[in-house]
C-alpha atoms as a PDB file:
ATOM      1  CA  MET A   1      -0.100   0.017  -0.008  1.00  0.00           C
ATOM      2  CA  GLN A   2       1.303   3.608  -0.715  1.00  0.00           C
ATOM      3  CA  ASN A   3       1.873   6.073   1.756  1.00  0.00           C
ATOM      4  CA  GLU A   4      -1.056   8.699   1.978  1.00  0.00           C
ATOM      5  CA  ASP A   5       0.247  11.953   0.280  1.00  0.00           C
ATOM      6  CA  LYS A   6       0.974  14.754   2.903  1.00  0.00           C
ATOM      7  CA  LEU A   7      -1.519  17.629   3.096  1.00  0.00           C
ATOM      8  CA  ILE A   8       1.408  19.956   2.982  1.00  0.00           C
ATOM      9  CA  GLU A   9       4.932  19.491   2.132  1.00  0.00           C
ATOM     10  CA  ILE A  10       7.041  22.177   2.102  1.00  0.00           C
ATOM     11  CA  ARG A  11      11.196  21.490   1.497  1.00  0.00           C
ATOM     12  CA  ASN A  12      13.872  24.155   1.948  1.00  0.00           C
ATOM     13  CA  VAL A  13      11.788  27.190   0.362  1.00  0.00           C
ATOM     14  CA  THR A  14      12.722  30.982   0.023  1.00  0.00           C
ATOM     15  CA  VAL A  15      10.131  33.091  -0.847  1.00  0.00           C
ATOM     16  CA  TRP A  16       9.846  36.837  -1.504  1.00  0.00           C
ATOM     17  CA  ARG A  17       7.202  39.382  -1.059  1.00  0.00           C
ATOM     18  CA  GLY A  18       8.479  42.502  -2.910  1.00  0.00           C
ATOM     19  CA  THR A  19      12.081  43.263  -1.821  1.00  0.00           C
ATOM     20  CA  THR A  20      11.166  41.283   1.467  1.00  0.00           C
ATOM     21  CA  ARG A  21      12.620  37.871   1.842  1.00  0.00           C
ATOM     22  CA  VAL A  22      10.068  36.228   4.055  1.00  0.00           C
ATOM     23  CA  PHE A  23      11.133  32.577   4.240  1.00  0.00           C
ATOM     24  CA  ASP A  24      14.775  31.236   3.753  1.00  0.00           C
ATOM     25  CA  GLY A  25      14.996  27.591   3.605  1.00  0.00           C
ATOM     26  CA  LEU A  26      11.563  26.975   5.466  1.00  0.00           C
ATOM     27  CA  SER A  27      10.728  23.233   5.766  1.00  0.00           C
ATOM     28  CA  LEU A  28       7.396  22.087   7.127  1.00  0.00           C
ATOM     29  CA  GLU A  29       5.082  19.292   6.673  1.00  0.00           C
ATOM     30  CA  ILE A  30       1.312  18.780   8.008  1.00  0.00           C
ATOM     31  CA  ASP A  31      -0.215  15.031   7.384  1.00  0.00           C
ATOM     32  CA  GLN A  32      -3.708  14.629   6.223  1.00  0.00           C
ATOM     33  CA  HIS A  33      -6.337  14.148   9.112  1.00  0.00           C
ATOM     34  CA  GLU A  34      -4.464  16.564  11.281  1.00  0.00           C
ATOM     35  CA  ARG A  35      -5.832  19.429  13.119  1.00  0.00           C
ATOM     36  CA  VAL A  36      -3.225  22.233  13.261  1.00  0.00           C
ATOM     37  CA  ALA A  37      -2.808  25.760  14.502  1.00  0.00           C
ATOM     38  CA  ILE A  38       0.144  28.067  13.048  1.00  0.00           C
ATOM     39  CA  LEU A  39       0.585  30.555  15.564  1.00  0.00           C
ATOM     40  CA  GLY A  40       3.015  33.792  15.350  1.00  0.00           C
ATOM     41  CA  PRO A  41       2.958  37.533  15.840  1.00  0.00           C
ATOM     42  CA  ASN A  42       2.378  40.156  13.059  1.00  0.00           C
ATOM     43  CA  GLY A  43       5.295  39.640  10.633  1.00  0.00           C
ATOM     44  CA  SER A  44       6.476  36.061  11.301  1.00  0.00           C
ATOM     45  CA  GLY A  45       5.280  34.768   7.842  1.00  0.00           C
ATOM     46  CA  LYS A  46       1.661  33.555   8.667  1.00  0.00           C
ATOM     47  CA  THR A  47       0.084  35.383   5.536  1.00  0.00           C
ATOM     48  CA  THR A  48       2.843  34.516   3.103  1.00  0.00           C
ATOM     49  CA  LEU A  49       2.496  30.935   4.365  1.00  0.00           C
ATOM     50  CA  LEU A  50      -1.277  30.993   3.759  1.00  0.00           C
ATOM     51  CA  LYS A  51      -0.644  32.481   0.134  1.00  0.00           C
ATOM     52  CA  LEU A  52       1.858  29.915  -0.466  1.00  0.00           C
ATOM     53  CA  LEU A  53      -0.680  27.271   0.480  1.00  0.00           C
ATOM     54  CA  ASN A  54      -3.454  28.969  -1.472  1.00  0.00           C
ATOM     55  CA  ARG A  55      -1.256  29.162  -4.572  1.00  0.00           C
ATOM     56  CA  GLU A  56      -1.283  32.892  -4.512  1.00  0.00           C
ATOM     57  CA  LEU A  57       2.613  33.016  -4.257  1.00  0.00           C
ATOM     58  CA  TYR A  58       5.317  30.392  -5.383  1.00  0.00           C
ATOM     59  CA  PRO A  59       8.834  29.975  -3.864  1.00  0.00           C
ATOM     60  CA  VAL A  60      12.039  30.783  -5.696  1.00  0.00           C
ATOM     61  CA  ALA A  61      12.835  28.051  -7.850  1.00  0.00           C
ATOM     62  CA  GLU A  62      15.841  26.231  -6.373  1.00  0.00           C
ATOM     63  CA  PRO A  63      17.240  22.500  -6.336  1.00  0.00           C
ATOM     64  CA  GLY A  64      15.766  20.712  -3.657  1.00  0.00           C
ATOM     65  CA  SER A  65      13.068  23.197  -2.858  1.00  0.00           C
ATOM     66  CA  ARG A  66       9.492  22.403  -3.285  1.00  0.00           C
ATOM     67  CA  VAL A  67       5.993  22.962  -2.221  1.00  0.00           C
ATOM     68  CA  ARG A  68       3.586  20.046  -2.466  1.00  0.00           C
ATOM     69  CA  ILE A  69      -0.198  20.151  -1.669  1.00  0.00           C
ATOM     70  CA  LEU A  70      -1.867  16.725  -1.581  1.00  0.00           C
ATOM     71  CA  GLY A  71       1.220  15.548  -3.556  1.00  0.00           C
ATOM     72  CA  ARG A  72       1.123  18.101  -6.249  1.00  0.00           C
ATOM     73  CA  GLU A  73       3.613  20.570  -7.204  1.00  0.00           C
ATOM     74  CA  ARG A  74       1.746  22.354  -9.831  1.00  0.00           C
ATOM     75  CA  GLY A  75      -1.475  20.267 -11.326  1.00  0.00           C
ATOM     76  CA  ASN A  76      -4.930  21.391 -11.371  1.00  0.00           C
ATOM     77  CA  VAL A  77      -5.190  24.140  -8.756  1.00  0.00           C
ATOM     78  CA  TRP A  78      -9.028  23.947  -9.393  1.00  0.00           C
ATOM     79  CA  GLU A  79      -9.054  20.337  -7.960  1.00  0.00           C
ATOM     80  CA  LEU A  80      -7.157  21.475  -5.050  1.00  0.00           C
ATOM     81  CA  ARG A  81      -9.457  24.003  -4.193  1.00  0.00           C
ATOM     82  CA  LYS A  82     -12.307  21.335  -4.346  1.00  0.00           C
ATOM     83  CA  ARG A  83     -10.378  19.525  -1.797  1.00  0.00           C
ATOM     84  CA  ILE A  84      -9.277  22.315   0.531  1.00  0.00           C
ATOM     85  CA  GLY A  85     -11.341  25.377   1.317  1.00  0.00           C
ATOM     86  CA  VAL A  86     -10.237  28.370   2.613  1.00  0.00           C
ATOM     87  CA  VAL A  87     -11.851  31.205   4.648  1.00  0.00           C
ATOM     88  CA  SER A  88     -10.067  34.450   5.341  1.00  0.00           C
ATOM     89  CA  HIS A  89     -10.491  37.979   6.404  1.00  0.00           C
ATOM     90  CA  ASP A  90      -8.825  39.299   3.207  1.00  0.00           C
ATOM     91  CA  LEU A  91     -11.446  37.286   1.149  1.00  0.00           C
ATOM     92  CA  GLN A  92     -14.345  38.452   2.986  1.00  0.00           C
ATOM     93  CA  GLN A  93     -13.275  42.081   2.384  1.00  0.00           C
ATOM     94  CA  ARG A  94     -13.054  41.565  -1.549  1.00  0.00           C
ATOM     95  CA  TYR A  95     -16.668  40.949  -1.503  1.00  0.00           C
ATOM     96  CA  THR A  96     -19.080  44.217  -2.200  1.00  0.00           C
ATOM     97  CA  PRO A  97     -21.524  44.945   0.553  1.00  0.00           C
ATOM     98  CA  SER A  98     -24.552  44.429  -1.919  1.00  0.00           C
ATOM     99  CA  THR A  99     -23.546  40.663  -2.536  1.00  0.00           C
ATOM    100  CA  THR A 100     -26.125  38.224  -1.172  1.00  0.00           C
ATOM    101  CA  ALA A 101     -25.174  35.468   0.838  1.00  0.00           C
ATOM    102  CA  LEU A 102     -26.403  32.840  -1.722  1.00  0.00           C
ATOM    103  CA  GLN A 103     -24.003  34.535  -4.260  1.00  0.00           C
ATOM    104  CA  VAL A 104     -21.144  34.247  -2.053  1.00  0.00           C
ATOM    105  CA  VAL A 105     -21.709  30.446  -1.444  1.00  0.00           C
ATOM    106  CA  LEU A 106     -22.324  29.893  -5.244  1.00  0.00           C
ATOM    107  CA  SER A 107     -18.964  31.943  -6.067  1.00  0.00           C
ATOM    108  CA  GLY A 108     -17.139  28.906  -4.269  1.00  0.00           C
ATOM    109  CA  PHE A 109     -17.953  26.624  -7.265  1.00  0.00           C
ATOM    110  CA  TYR A 110     -16.015  29.099  -9.365  1.00  0.00           C
ATOM    111  CA  SER A 111     -13.516  30.368  -6.877  1.00  0.00           C
ATOM    112  CA  SER A 112     -14.746  33.753  -7.831  1.00  0.00           C
ATOM    113  CA  ILE A 113     -15.731  36.973  -5.961  1.00  0.00           C
ATOM    114  CA  GLY A 114     -19.302  36.663  -6.483  1.00  0.00           C
ATOM    115  CA  VAL A 115     -21.399  35.512  -9.323  1.00  0.00           C
ATOM    116  CA  HIS A 116     -21.955  38.017 -12.189  1.00  0.00           C
ATOM    117  CA  GLY A 117     -22.428  38.288 -16.006  1.00  0.00           C
ATOM    118  CA  GLN A 118     -21.799  35.037 -18.021  1.00  0.00           C
ATOM    119  CA  LEU A 119     -20.972  33.062 -14.720  1.00  0.00           C
ATOM    120  CA  ALA A 120     -24.154  33.696 -13.360  1.00  0.00           C
ATOM    121  CA  ARG A 121     -25.875  31.751 -16.018  1.00  0.00           C
ATOM    122  CA  ARG A 122     -23.607  29.092 -15.540  1.00  0.00           C
ATOM    123  CA  ILE A 123     -25.114  28.365 -12.103  1.00  0.00           C
ATOM    124  CA  THR A 124     -27.066  25.053 -12.488  1.00  0.00           C
ATOM    125  CA  GLU A 125     -29.923  24.118 -10.372  1.00  0.00           C
ATOM    126  CA  SER A 126     -28.175  21.410  -8.455  1.00  0.00           C
ATOM    127  CA  GLN A 127     -25.388  24.063  -7.473  1.00  0.00           C
ATOM    128  CA  ARG A 128     -28.191  26.421  -6.372  1.00  0.00           C
ATOM    129  CA  ARG A 129     -29.661  23.857  -4.252  1.00  0.00           C
ATOM    130  CA  SER A 130     -26.405  22.645  -2.566  1.00  0.00           C
ATOM    131  CA  ALA A 131     -25.657  26.397  -1.759  1.00  0.00           C
ATOM    132  CA  GLN A 132     -28.880  26.746  -0.167  1.00  0.00           C
ATOM    133  CA  GLU A 133     -28.580  23.691   2.060  1.00  0.00           C
ATOM    134  CA  THR A 134     -24.797  24.437   2.992  1.00  0.00           C
ATOM    135  CA  LEU A 135     -26.438  28.119   4.232  1.00  0.00           C
ATOM    136  CA  ALA A 136     -29.177  25.917   6.181  1.00  0.00           C
ATOM    137  CA  GLU A 137     -26.464  23.831   7.871  1.00  0.00           C
ATOM    138  CA  LEU A 138     -24.689  27.040   9.387  1.00  0.00           C
ATOM    139  CA  GLY A 139     -28.011  28.641  10.231  1.00  0.00           C
ATOM    140  CA  LEU A 140     -28.299  31.037   7.339  1.00  0.00           C
ATOM    141  CA  ALA A 141     -31.161  29.454   5.316  1.00  0.00           C
ATOM    142  CA  GLU A 142     -33.504  32.692   6.053  1.00  0.00           C
ATOM    143  CA  MET A 143     -30.452  35.061   4.892  1.00  0.00           C
ATOM    144  CA  ALA A 144     -30.016  33.557   1.296  1.00  0.00           C
ATOM    145  CA  GLY A 145     -31.190  36.507  -0.374  1.00  0.00           C
ATOM    146  CA  ARG A 146     -30.018  39.221   2.177  1.00  0.00           C
ATOM    147  CA  GLN A 147     -26.870  41.522   1.412  1.00  0.00           C
ATOM    148  CA  LEU A 148     -23.797  41.360   3.273  1.00  0.00           C
ATOM    149  CA  ARG A 149     -24.197  44.945   4.434  1.00  0.00           C
ATOM    150  CA  GLU A 150     -27.430  44.069   6.163  1.00  0.00           C
ATOM    151  CA  MET A 151     -25.436  41.202   8.125  1.00  0.00           C
ATOM    152  CA  SER A 152     -23.474  41.049  11.281  1.00  0.00           C
ATOM    153  CA  THR A 153     -19.694  40.126  10.955  1.00  0.00           C
ATOM    154  CA  GLY A 154     -20.243  36.764  12.574  1.00  0.00           C
ATOM    155  CA  GLN A 155     -23.004  36.182   9.801  1.00  0.00           C
ATOM    156  CA  GLN A 156     -20.831  37.478   6.856  1.00  0.00           C
ATOM    157  CA  ARG A 157     -17.773  35.274   8.190  1.00  0.00           C
ATOM    158  CA  ARG A 158     -20.473  32.004   8.174  1.00  0.00           C
ATOM    159  CA  CYS A 159     -21.118  32.713   4.657  1.00  0.00           C
ATOM    160  CA  LEU A 160     -17.689  32.646   3.766  1.00  0.00           C
ATOM    161  CA  LEU A 161     -17.468  29.409   5.909  1.00  0.00           C
ATOM    162  CA  ALA A 162     -20.433  28.164   3.489  1.00  0.00           C
ATOM    163  CA  ARG A 163     -18.611  29.103   0.534  1.00  0.00           C
ATOM    164  CA  ALA A 164     -15.674  27.129   1.406  1.00  0.00           C
ATOM    165  CA  LEU A 165     -17.900  24.065   2.539  1.00  0.00           C
ATOM    166  CA  VAL A 166     -19.949  23.841  -0.566  1.00  0.00           C
ATOM    167  CA  HIS A 167     -17.526  21.604  -2.253  1.00  0.00           C
ATOM    168  CA  ARG A 168     -17.513  19.182   1.050  1.00  0.00           C
ATOM    169  CA  PRO A 169     -13.613  19.880   1.036  1.00  0.00           C
ATOM    170  CA  ASP A 170     -11.466  17.454   3.250  1.00  0.00           C
ATOM    171  CA  THR A 171      -9.725  20.475   4.826  1.00  0.00           C
ATOM    172  CA  LEU A 172     -10.314  23.894   5.926  1.00  0.00           C
ATOM    173  CA  ILE A 173      -7.664  26.414   6.182  1.00  0.00           C
ATOM    174  CA  LEU A 174      -8.609  29.348   8.095  1.00  0.00           C
ATOM    175  CA  ASP A 175      -6.990  32.669   8.596  1.00  0.00           C
ATOM    176  CA  GLU A 176      -7.795  34.509  11.982  1.00  0.00           C
ATOM    177  CA  PRO A 177     -11.227  33.290  11.974  1.00  0.00           C
ATOM    178  CA  THR A 178     -12.741  34.914  14.824  1.00  0.00           C
ATOM    179  CA  ALA A 179     -11.026  38.140  14.075  1.00  0.00           C
ATOM    180  CA  GLY A 180     -13.534  41.221  14.708  1.00  0.00           C
ATOM    181  CA  LEU A 181     -16.476  38.891  16.271  1.00  0.00           C
ATOM    182  CA  ASP A 182     -18.019  39.558  19.651  1.00  0.00           C
ATOM    183  CA  PHE A 183     -18.099  36.796  22.145  1.00  0.00           C
ATOM    184  CA  SER A 184     -21.353  35.076  21.058  1.00  0.00           C
ATOM    185  CA  ALA A 185     -20.224  34.954  17.515  1.00  0.00           C
ATOM    186  CA  CYS A 186     -16.938  33.880  18.367  1.00  0.00           C
ATOM    187  CA  PHE A 187     -18.170  30.823  20.535  1.00  0.00           C
ATOM    188  CA  ASP A 188     -20.620  29.990  17.890  1.00  0.00           C
ATOM    189  CA  TYR A 189     -18.061  29.936  15.482  1.00  0.00           C
ATOM    190  CA  LEU A 190     -15.397  27.971  17.269  1.00  0.00           C
ATOM    191  CA  ALA A 191     -18.386  25.390  18.065  1.00  0.00           C
ATOM    192  CA  ARG A 192     -19.033  24.828  14.472  1.00  0.00           C
ATOM    193  CA  LEU A 193     -15.315  24.338  13.710  1.00  0.00           C
ATOM    194  CA  ARG A 194     -15.412  21.702  16.492  1.00  0.00           C
ATOM    195  CA  THR A 195     -18.585  20.067  15.101  1.00  0.00           C
ATOM    196  CA  LEU A 196     -16.961  19.932  11.327  1.00  0.00           C
ATOM    197  CA  SER A 197     -13.562  18.589  12.764  1.00  0.00           C
ATOM    198  CA  GLU A 198     -15.550  15.868  14.738  1.00  0.00           C
ATOM    199  CA  SER A 199     -17.292  14.773  11.733  1.00  0.00           C
ATOM    200  CA  GLY A 200     -14.089  14.487   9.858  1.00  0.00           C
ATOM    201  CA  THR A 201     -12.845  17.787   8.367  1.00  0.00           C
ATOM    202  CA  ASN A 202      -9.407  18.537   8.907  1.00  0.00           C
ATOM    203  CA  LEU A 203      -8.439  22.149  10.271  1.00  0.00           C
ATOM    204  CA  VAL A 204      -5.569  24.145   9.904  1.00  0.00           C
ATOM    205  CA  ILE A 205      -5.803  27.608  11.514  1.00  0.00           C
ATOM    206  CA  VAL A 206      -3.629  30.431  11.273  1.00  0.00           C
ATOM    207  CA  THR A 207      -3.804  32.982  14.053  1.00  0.00           C
ATOM    208  CA  HIS A 208      -1.751  35.139  16.759  1.00  0.00           C
ATOM    209  CA  HIS A 209      -4.778  34.572  19.201  1.00  0.00           C
ATOM    210  CA  LEU A 210      -4.361  31.533  21.515  1.00  0.00           C
ATOM    211  CA  ASN A 211      -8.290  31.813  22.068  1.00  0.00           C
ATOM    212  CA  GLU A 212      -8.951  31.275  18.373  1.00  0.00           C
ATOM    213  CA  ILE A 213      -7.385  27.867  18.800  1.00  0.00           C
ATOM    214  CA  PRO A 214     -10.447  25.133  19.132  1.00  0.00           C
ATOM    215  CA  THR A 215     -10.165  22.419  21.557  1.00  0.00           C
ATOM    216  CA  VAL A 216      -9.974  19.812  18.803  1.00  0.00           C
ATOM    217  CA  VAL A 217      -6.608  21.304  17.557  1.00  0.00           C
ATOM    218  CA  ASP A 218      -3.737  18.841  18.974  1.00  0.00           C
ATOM    219  CA  ARG A 219      -0.702  20.464  17.069  1.00  0.00           C
ATOM    220  CA  VAL A 220       0.670  23.651  17.237  1.00  0.00           C
ATOM    221  CA  ILE A 221       3.451  25.465  15.167  1.00  0.00           C
ATOM    222  CA  LEU A 222       5.042  28.704  16.205  1.00  0.00           C
ATOM    223  CA  LEU A 223       6.468  30.937  13.578  1.00  0.00           C
ATOM    224  CA  HIS A 224       9.043  33.738  14.073  1.00  0.00           C
ATOM    225  CA  GLN A 225      10.423  36.018  11.689  1.00  0.00           C
ATOM    226  CA  GLY A 226      10.094  33.606   8.881  1.00  0.00           C
ATOM    227  CA  ARG A 227      10.794  30.427  10.801  1.00  0.00           C
ATOM    228  CA  VAL A 228       9.450  27.337  12.755  1.00  0.00           C
ATOM    229  CA  VAL A 229      10.738  27.968  16.316  1.00  0.00           C
ATOM    230  CA  ALA A 230       8.579  25.316  17.895  1.00  0.00           C
ATOM    231  CA  ASP A 231       6.308  22.255  16.672  1.00  0.00           C
ATOM    232  CA  GLY A 232       4.423  20.065  19.000  1.00  0.00           C
ATOM    233  CA  SER A 233       1.642  19.735  21.176  1.00  0.00           C
ATOM    234  CA  LYS A 234      -0.506  22.712  22.850  1.00  0.00           C
ATOM    235  CA  ALA A 235       0.976  22.050  26.058  1.00  0.00           C
ATOM    236  CA  GLU A 236       4.681  21.663  24.815  1.00  0.00           C
ATOM    237  CA  VAL A 237       4.304  24.988  22.712  1.00  0.00           C
ATOM    238  CA  LEU A 238       1.878  27.239  24.546  1.00  0.00           C
ATOM    239  CA  THR A 239       4.310  28.276  27.383  1.00  0.00           C
ATOM    240  CA  GLY A 240       4.530  31.770  29.003  1.00  0.00           C
ATOM    241  CA  ALA A 241       8.530  31.358  28.629  1.00  0.00           C
ATOM    242  CA  ARG A 242       8.207  30.446  24.733  1.00  0.00           C
ATOM    243  CA  LEU A 243       5.466  33.143  24.048  1.00  0.00           C
ATOM    244  CA  SER A 244       7.267  35.622  26.058  1.00  0.00           C
ATOM    245  CA  GLN A 245      10.162  35.330  23.864  1.00  0.00           C
ATOM    246  CA  VAL A 246       8.636  34.971  20.408  1.00  0.00           C
ATOM    247  CA  TYR A 247       6.263  37.951  21.057  1.00  0.00           C
ATOM    248  CA  ALA A 248       8.818  39.981  23.037  1.00  0.00           C
ATOM    249  CA  THR A 249       6.415  40.749  25.746  1.00  0.00           C
ATOM    250  CA  PRO A 250       6.119  39.288  29.491  1.00  0.00           C
ATOM    251  CA  ILE A 251       3.273  36.561  28.840  1.00  0.00           C
ATOM    252  CA  ARG A 252       1.459  34.093  31.190  1.00  0.00           C
ATOM    253  CA  VAL A 253      -0.380  30.891  29.615  1.00  0.00           C
ATOM    254  CA  THR A 254      -3.359  29.279  31.649  1.00  0.00           C
ATOM    255  CA  GLU A 255      -5.284  26.277  30.288  1.00  0.00           C
ATOM    256  CA  VAL A 256      -9.032  26.090  30.845  1.00  0.00           C
ATOM    257  CA  ASP A 257     -10.970  23.204  29.623  1.00  0.00           C
ATOM    258  CA  GLY A 258      -8.913  22.648  26.583  1.00  0.00           C
ATOM    259  CA  TYR A 259      -8.773  26.348  25.780  1.00  0.00           C
ATOM    260  CA  TYR A 260      -5.257  28.240  26.055  1.00  0.00           C
ATOM    261  CA  LEU A 261      -5.438  32.007  27.280  1.00  0.00           C
ATOM    262  CA  ALA A 262      -2.615  34.540  27.618  1.00  0.00           C
ATOM    263  CA  TYR A 263      -2.383  37.616  29.802  1.00  0.00           C
ATOM    264  CA  PRO A 264       0.241  39.836  30.934  1.00  0.00           C
ATOM    265  CA  ALA A 265       2.785  38.362  33.152  1.00  0.00           C
ATOM    266  CA  ASP A 266       3.887  41.571  35.107  1.00  0.00           C
END
């Protein structure tokens, strides 16, 4: 039996954004069926890593350097996006306020921002039905025709989650999933991620907030200045001493019912 392809395999990559070298010799592997949080302060390389995984950026072509997603270095990006759903604040900001919830979800079939013109005419009844069912699963059935401007931030974020889920992907990659949400919306969103994970969906969460890491996550990768400085269980990585060093401020960490919280050490 052949070994299962890695979800993510990054070997010795160098990545530039403009004149800034973000990664220099980065290596990182994530297996399928893992539930992982990628943590780090602003400027640590989290956004660049997300763009690398989403094929928005490519590394410098060098011998022995590669980025493989589900075993593929290039290949059919469309097929990869059917298997990996992405939810990010950046993606949310690209939609116009007049876009309806249903249009947001339907755009997931084409990796587009909304559905307009000829694209709107390509939407099938099957796709429309699947989009409506996905909205219903996330408690948004009655908002299918409502515009984003008429929704709360939490409802908008659930629309983006529905967009990612409409393909029934194996894996979700989420960038700071609860940023901008109040307590109620945050707790609701984390509960939905836990339910998805328990039903078999793989999670990769990119964040700099400990409280965004759901209890189901069992591996944490800590980035600092473009390098992996720690990789292990939550208990191993999320320590006050380690986070104080990376974030350059005194931090204490406490664990409550599987959630990790950071607060000032002084």
